[in-house]
């Protein structure tokens, strides 16, 4: 079962790997590299899962997630971050994150996480 995935990631290399890998796994992928683009895409269309980087050039991914949740959007969202801090985890949970995946992550772990959160909807 292919998922429609919105990937929000500013790192070009990681975006490329995620795009290729997710497509090879049979998923439809839409890419955004900043919050402004991500917000517009997320608001305009439906996704099965959102992969959302926390630290983006134009702001904080957790703030975007909180905004989408406040608007009633329940799309499963996996936060990706290079930081592993207790406060970050608490903010992610409070904002409504479905899961959290610290970078670097194993690709198999990412695929399993996506399937798990998509099936739990």
N, C-alpha and C. Protein backbone atom coordinates (compact mmCIF):
# COMPACT_ATOMS: atom_id res chain seq x y z
N UNK A 1 0.84 -1.18 0.00
CA UNK A 1 0.00 0.00 0.00
C UNK A 1 0.88 1.24 0.00
N UNK A 2 0.80 2.03 -1.04
CA UNK A 2 1.58 3.24 -1.13
C UNK A 2 0.94 4.36 -0.34
N UNK A 3 1.77 5.13 0.32
CA UNK A 3 1.32 6.27 1.11
C UNK A 3 1.61 7.55 0.36
N UNK A 4 0.82 8.57 0.62
CA UNK A 4 1.10 9.91 0.12
C UNK A 4 1.81 10.64 1.26
N UNK A 5 3.08 10.97 1.03
CA UNK A 5 3.93 11.50 2.10
C UNK A 5 4.40 12.91 1.76
N UNK A 6 4.18 13.84 2.68
CA UNK A 6 4.77 15.17 2.59
C UNK A 6 6.06 15.14 3.39
N UNK A 7 7.17 15.42 2.71
CA UNK A 7 8.48 15.46 3.36
C UNK A 7 8.91 16.91 3.47
N UNK A 8 9.16 17.37 4.70
CA UNK A 8 9.61 18.73 4.95
C UNK A 8 11.01 18.64 5.53
N UNK A 9 12.00 18.93 4.69
CA UNK A 9 13.42 18.77 5.07
C UNK A 9 14.24 19.79 4.30
N UNK A 10 15.07 20.56 5.01
CA UNK A 10 15.87 21.58 4.35
C UNK A 10 17.19 21.06 3.79
N UNK A 11 17.69 19.96 4.28
CA UNK A 11 18.96 19.41 3.81
C UNK A 11 18.75 18.71 2.46
N UNK A 12 19.39 19.25 1.43
CA UNK A 12 19.23 18.73 0.07
C UNK A 12 19.58 17.26 -0.04
N UNK A 13 20.65 16.84 0.59
CA UNK A 13 21.08 15.44 0.54
C UNK A 13 20.05 14.50 1.16
N UNK A 14 19.56 14.87 2.34
CA UNK A 14 18.56 14.04 3.01
C UNK A 14 17.27 14.02 2.20
N UNK A 15 16.88 15.19 1.65
CA UNK A 15 15.67 15.25 0.80
C UNK A 15 15.80 14.27 -0.37
N UNK A 16 16.95 14.28 -1.01
CA UNK A 16 17.16 13.40 -2.16
C UNK A 16 17.06 11.93 -1.78
N UNK A 17 17.69 11.56 -0.68
CA UNK A 17 17.65 10.17 -0.22
C UNK A 17 16.23 9.76 0.13
N UNK A 18 15.51 10.62 0.85
CA UNK A 18 14.14 10.31 1.21
C UNK A 18 13.24 10.22 -0.02
N UNK A 19 13.41 11.13 -0.96
CA UNK A 19 12.60 11.12 -2.16
C UNK A 19 12.79 9.82 -2.94
N UNK A 20 14.03 9.48 -3.21
CA UNK A 20 14.32 8.24 -3.97
C UNK A 20 13.86 7.00 -3.22
N UNK A 21 14.22 6.93 -1.95
CA UNK A 21 13.89 5.74 -1.17
C UNK A 21 12.40 5.53 -1.01
N UNK A 22 11.68 6.59 -0.71
CA UNK A 22 10.23 6.46 -0.52
C UNK A 22 9.53 6.11 -1.82
N UNK A 23 9.99 6.69 -2.92
CA UNK A 23 9.40 6.35 -4.22
C UNK A 23 9.68 4.89 -4.57
N UNK A 24 10.90 4.44 -4.32
CA UNK A 24 11.23 3.03 -4.58
C UNK A 24 10.38 2.08 -3.73
N UNK A 25 9.98 2.54 -2.55
CA UNK A 25 9.13 1.73 -1.67
C UNK A 25 7.66 1.81 -2.07
N UNK A 26 7.37 2.55 -3.15
CA UNK A 26 6.00 2.61 -3.65
C UNK A 26 5.15 3.75 -3.13
N UNK A 27 5.78 4.74 -2.51
CA UNK A 27 5.04 5.86 -1.94
C UNK A 27 5.06 7.06 -2.88
N UNK A 28 4.03 7.86 -2.82
CA UNK A 28 3.98 9.13 -3.53
C UNK A 28 4.59 10.18 -2.60
N UNK A 29 5.51 10.98 -3.14
CA UNK A 29 6.25 11.92 -2.30
C UNK A 29 6.07 13.35 -2.80
N UNK A 30 5.79 14.25 -1.87
CA UNK A 30 5.75 15.68 -2.14
C UNK A 30 6.79 16.31 -1.23
N UNK A 31 7.65 17.17 -1.79
CA UNK A 31 8.77 17.74 -1.05
C UNK A 31 8.58 19.22 -0.76
N UNK A 32 9.03 19.62 0.44
CA UNK A 32 9.11 21.03 0.81
C UNK A 32 10.42 21.22 1.56
N UNK A 33 11.06 22.35 1.34
CA UNK A 33 12.35 22.59 2.01
C UNK A 33 12.28 23.69 3.05
N UNK A 34 11.11 24.29 3.23
CA UNK A 34 10.96 25.33 4.25
C UNK A 34 9.53 25.33 4.78
N UNK A 35 9.32 26.06 5.88
CA UNK A 35 8.01 26.09 6.52
C UNK A 35 6.95 26.74 5.65
N UNK A 36 7.31 27.80 4.96
CA UNK A 36 6.32 28.50 4.13
C UNK A 36 5.75 27.56 3.07
N UNK A 37 6.61 26.85 2.38
CA UNK A 37 6.16 25.91 1.36
C UNK A 37 5.39 24.76 1.99
N UNK A 38 5.92 24.24 3.08
CA UNK A 38 5.26 23.12 3.76
C UNK A 38 3.86 23.49 4.23
N UNK A 39 3.72 24.66 4.83
CA UNK A 39 2.42 25.10 5.30
C UNK A 39 1.41 25.21 4.18
N UNK A 40 1.84 25.77 3.05
CA UNK A 40 0.95 25.91 1.89
C UNK A 40 0.55 24.54 1.34
N UNK A 41 1.52 23.63 1.20
CA UNK A 41 1.22 22.30 0.67
C UNK A 41 0.32 21.52 1.62
N UNK A 42 0.63 21.57 2.90
CA UNK A 42 -0.11 20.80 3.91
C UNK A 42 -1.55 21.29 4.01
N UNK A 43 -1.75 22.60 3.89
CA UNK A 43 -3.08 23.18 3.98
C UNK A 43 -3.90 22.87 2.73
N UNK A 44 -3.24 22.82 1.58
CA UNK A 44 -3.94 22.69 0.30
C UNK A 44 -4.31 21.26 -0.07
N UNK A 45 -3.66 20.27 0.52
CA UNK A 45 -3.87 18.89 0.08
C UNK A 45 -3.82 17.93 1.25
N UNK A 46 -4.24 16.70 1.00
CA UNK A 46 -4.26 15.67 2.05
C UNK A 46 -3.08 14.72 1.89
N UNK A 47 -2.53 14.29 3.01
CA UNK A 47 -1.40 13.36 3.03
C UNK A 47 -1.70 12.25 4.03
N UNK A 48 -1.12 11.09 3.78
CA UNK A 48 -1.26 9.98 4.72
C UNK A 48 -0.33 10.16 5.91
N UNK A 49 0.84 10.74 5.65
CA UNK A 49 1.87 10.96 6.68
C UNK A 49 2.68 12.19 6.30
N UNK A 50 3.12 12.93 7.33
CA UNK A 50 4.04 14.04 7.12
C UNK A 50 5.34 13.72 7.85
N UNK A 51 6.46 13.82 7.14
CA UNK A 51 7.79 13.74 7.75
C UNK A 51 8.26 15.17 7.90
N UNK A 52 8.45 15.63 9.12
CA UNK A 52 8.68 17.05 9.38
C UNK A 52 9.97 17.27 10.16
N UNK A 53 10.91 17.95 9.51
CA UNK A 53 12.15 18.33 10.19
C UNK A 53 11.81 19.41 11.21
N UNK A 54 12.49 19.39 12.32
CA UNK A 54 12.22 20.37 13.38
C UNK A 54 12.91 21.69 13.10
N UNK A 55 14.17 21.65 12.73
CA UNK A 55 14.95 22.88 12.52
C UNK A 55 15.00 23.20 11.03
N UNK A 56 14.25 24.24 10.64
CA UNK A 56 14.19 24.65 9.24
C UNK A 56 14.69 26.09 9.12
N UNK A 57 15.11 26.50 7.93
CA UNK A 57 15.71 27.83 7.79
C UNK A 57 14.77 28.98 8.17
N UNK A 58 13.47 28.78 7.99
CA UNK A 58 12.54 29.87 8.28
C UNK A 58 11.70 29.64 9.53
N UNK A 59 12.13 28.69 10.38
CA UNK A 59 11.43 28.51 11.64
C UNK A 59 11.44 27.10 12.17
N UNK A 60 10.53 26.86 13.08
CA UNK A 60 10.47 25.63 13.87
C UNK A 60 9.35 24.73 13.37
N UNK A 61 9.67 23.51 12.97
CA UNK A 61 8.68 22.56 12.49
C UNK A 61 7.61 22.24 13.53
N UNK A 62 7.99 22.25 14.80
CA UNK A 62 7.02 21.95 15.85
C UNK A 62 5.93 23.03 15.88
N UNK A 63 6.30 24.27 15.61
CA UNK A 63 5.31 25.35 15.56
C UNK A 63 4.32 25.12 14.42
N UNK A 64 4.81 24.67 13.27
CA UNK A 64 3.91 24.35 12.15
C UNK A 64 2.96 23.22 12.53
N UNK A 65 3.49 22.20 13.16
CA UNK A 65 2.66 21.08 13.58
C UNK A 65 1.57 21.56 14.55
N UNK A 66 1.94 22.36 15.52
CA UNK A 66 0.96 22.87 16.49
C UNK A 66 -0.13 23.68 15.78
N UNK A 67 0.27 24.46 14.79
CA UNK A 67 -0.68 25.26 14.01
C UNK A 67 -1.66 24.35 13.25
N UNK A 68 -1.14 23.31 12.61
CA UNK A 68 -2.00 22.39 11.86
C UNK A 68 -2.95 21.66 12.81
N UNK A 69 -2.46 21.25 13.97
CA UNK A 69 -3.32 20.58 14.95
C UNK A 69 -4.41 21.52 15.44
N UNK A 70 -4.07 22.78 15.67
CA UNK A 70 -5.04 23.77 16.11
C UNK A 70 -6.14 23.97 15.07
N UNK A 71 -5.80 23.76 13.80
CA UNK A 71 -6.77 23.86 12.71
C UNK A 71 -7.56 22.57 12.52
N UNK A 72 -7.32 21.57 13.38
CA UNK A 72 -8.07 20.32 13.33
C UNK A 72 -7.46 19.24 12.45
N UNK A 73 -6.26 19.46 11.94
CA UNK A 73 -5.60 18.47 11.08
C UNK A 73 -4.99 17.36 11.94
N UNK A 74 -5.37 16.13 11.68
CA UNK A 74 -4.88 14.99 12.47
C UNK A 74 -3.93 14.10 11.69
N UNK A 75 -3.37 14.60 10.58
CA UNK A 75 -2.45 13.80 9.77
C UNK A 75 -1.31 13.28 10.63
N UNK A 76 -1.06 11.97 10.60
CA UNK A 76 0.08 11.43 11.35
C UNK A 76 1.37 12.16 10.95
N UNK A 77 2.12 12.57 11.94
CA UNK A 77 3.32 13.37 11.69
C UNK A 77 4.51 12.80 12.45
N UNK A 78 5.58 12.52 11.70
CA UNK A 78 6.82 12.02 12.28
C UNK A 78 7.83 13.16 12.25
N UNK A 79 8.29 13.56 13.42
CA UNK A 79 9.30 14.61 13.51
C UNK A 79 10.68 14.03 13.32
N UNK A 80 11.48 14.70 12.49
CA UNK A 80 12.87 14.33 12.26
C UNK A 80 13.74 15.42 12.86
N UNK A 81 14.71 15.03 13.66
CA UNK A 81 15.58 16.04 14.25
C UNK A 81 16.97 15.49 14.56
N UNK A 82 17.93 16.38 14.44
CA UNK A 82 19.30 16.02 14.80
C UNK A 82 19.52 16.20 16.29
N UNK A 83 18.59 16.89 16.95
CA UNK A 83 18.72 17.14 18.39
C UNK A 83 17.92 16.10 19.16
N UNK A 84 18.49 15.62 20.23
CA UNK A 84 17.80 14.65 21.09
C UNK A 84 17.78 15.22 22.50
N UNK A 85 16.76 16.01 22.76
CA UNK A 85 16.67 16.68 24.05
C UNK A 85 15.31 16.40 24.67
N UNK A 86 15.26 16.30 25.98
CA UNK A 86 14.01 16.06 26.67
C UNK A 86 12.97 17.13 26.41
N UNK A 87 13.39 18.40 26.43
CA UNK A 87 12.47 19.51 26.20
C UNK A 87 11.89 19.45 24.79
N UNK A 88 12.72 19.07 23.83
CA UNK A 88 12.25 18.94 22.45
C UNK A 88 11.18 17.87 22.36
N UNK A 89 11.42 16.74 23.00
CA UNK A 89 10.44 15.65 23.00
C UNK A 89 9.13 16.11 23.64
N UNK A 90 9.22 16.82 24.74
CA UNK A 90 8.02 17.32 25.42
C UNK A 90 7.24 18.28 24.53
N UNK A 91 7.95 19.17 23.83
CA UNK A 91 7.29 20.11 22.91
C UNK A 91 6.63 19.36 21.76
N UNK A 92 7.31 18.33 21.25
CA UNK A 92 6.76 17.55 20.13
C UNK A 92 5.48 16.85 20.53
N UNK A 93 5.48 16.24 21.69
CA UNK A 93 4.28 15.55 22.19
C UNK A 93 3.16 16.56 22.42
N UNK A 94 3.47 17.68 23.03
CA UNK A 94 2.46 18.70 23.29
C UNK A 94 1.86 19.25 22.00
N UNK A 95 2.66 19.31 20.94
CA UNK A 95 2.18 19.83 19.66
C UNK A 95 1.37 18.80 18.89
N UNK A 96 1.44 17.53 19.29
CA UNK A 96 0.66 16.50 18.62
C UNK A 96 1.42 15.59 17.69
N UNK A 97 2.74 15.49 17.87
CA UNK A 97 3.52 14.59 17.03
C UNK A 97 3.08 13.15 17.25
N UNK A 98 3.02 12.40 16.17
CA UNK A 98 2.66 10.99 16.24
C UNK A 98 3.86 10.16 16.63
N UNK A 99 5.03 10.55 16.12
CA UNK A 99 6.28 9.83 16.41
C UNK A 99 7.44 10.81 16.24
N UNK A 100 8.60 10.39 16.72
CA UNK A 100 9.81 11.20 16.68
C UNK A 100 10.94 10.29 16.25
N UNK A 101 11.70 10.70 15.25
CA UNK A 101 12.81 9.89 14.75
C UNK A 101 14.07 10.75 14.73
N UNK A 102 15.03 10.44 15.64
CA UNK A 102 16.26 11.24 15.66
C UNK A 102 17.16 10.91 14.47
N UNK A 103 17.84 11.94 13.95
CA UNK A 103 18.83 11.76 12.89
C UNK A 103 20.16 11.46 13.53
N UNK A 104 20.99 10.66 12.95
CA UNK A 104 20.72 9.86 11.76
C UNK A 104 19.85 8.66 12.12
N UNK A 105 19.06 8.21 11.17
CA UNK A 105 18.19 7.07 11.39
C UNK A 105 18.47 6.02 10.33
N UNK A 106 18.15 4.80 10.65
CA UNK A 106 18.26 3.71 9.69
C UNK A 106 17.06 3.80 8.76
N UNK A 107 17.28 3.60 7.48
CA UNK A 107 16.19 3.73 6.52
C UNK A 107 15.06 2.72 6.81
N UNK A 108 15.41 1.51 7.18
CA UNK A 108 14.40 0.50 7.51
C UNK A 108 13.56 0.97 8.70
N UNK A 109 14.19 1.64 9.65
CA UNK A 109 13.48 2.18 10.81
C UNK A 109 12.48 3.25 10.38
N UNK A 110 12.88 4.09 9.43
CA UNK A 110 11.99 5.13 8.92
C UNK A 110 10.77 4.50 8.23
N UNK A 111 11.01 3.52 7.36
CA UNK A 111 9.89 2.87 6.66
C UNK A 111 8.93 2.20 7.64
N UNK A 112 9.47 1.52 8.63
CA UNK A 112 8.63 0.86 9.64
C UNK A 112 7.82 1.90 10.41
N UNK A 113 8.43 3.02 10.75
CA UNK A 113 7.75 4.08 11.48
C UNK A 113 6.61 4.65 10.63
N UNK A 114 6.88 4.91 9.35
CA UNK A 114 5.84 5.44 8.47
C UNK A 114 4.65 4.51 8.38
N UNK A 115 4.91 3.24 8.19
CA UNK A 115 3.83 2.26 8.08
C UNK A 115 3.05 2.16 9.39
N UNK A 116 3.77 2.19 10.50
CA UNK A 116 3.12 2.08 11.81
C UNK A 116 2.19 3.27 12.05
N UNK A 117 2.65 4.48 11.80
CA UNK A 117 1.81 5.64 12.07
C UNK A 117 0.68 5.77 11.06
N UNK A 118 0.90 5.35 9.83
CA UNK A 118 -0.17 5.41 8.82
C UNK A 118 -1.27 4.41 9.13
N UNK A 119 -0.90 3.24 9.61
CA UNK A 119 -1.89 2.22 9.94
C UNK A 119 -2.68 2.55 11.20
N UNK A 120 -2.09 3.37 12.06
CA UNK A 120 -2.73 3.71 13.33
C UNK A 120 -3.79 4.81 13.17
N UNK A 121 -3.93 5.37 11.97
CA UNK A 121 -4.88 6.47 11.76
C UNK A 121 -6.30 6.02 11.96
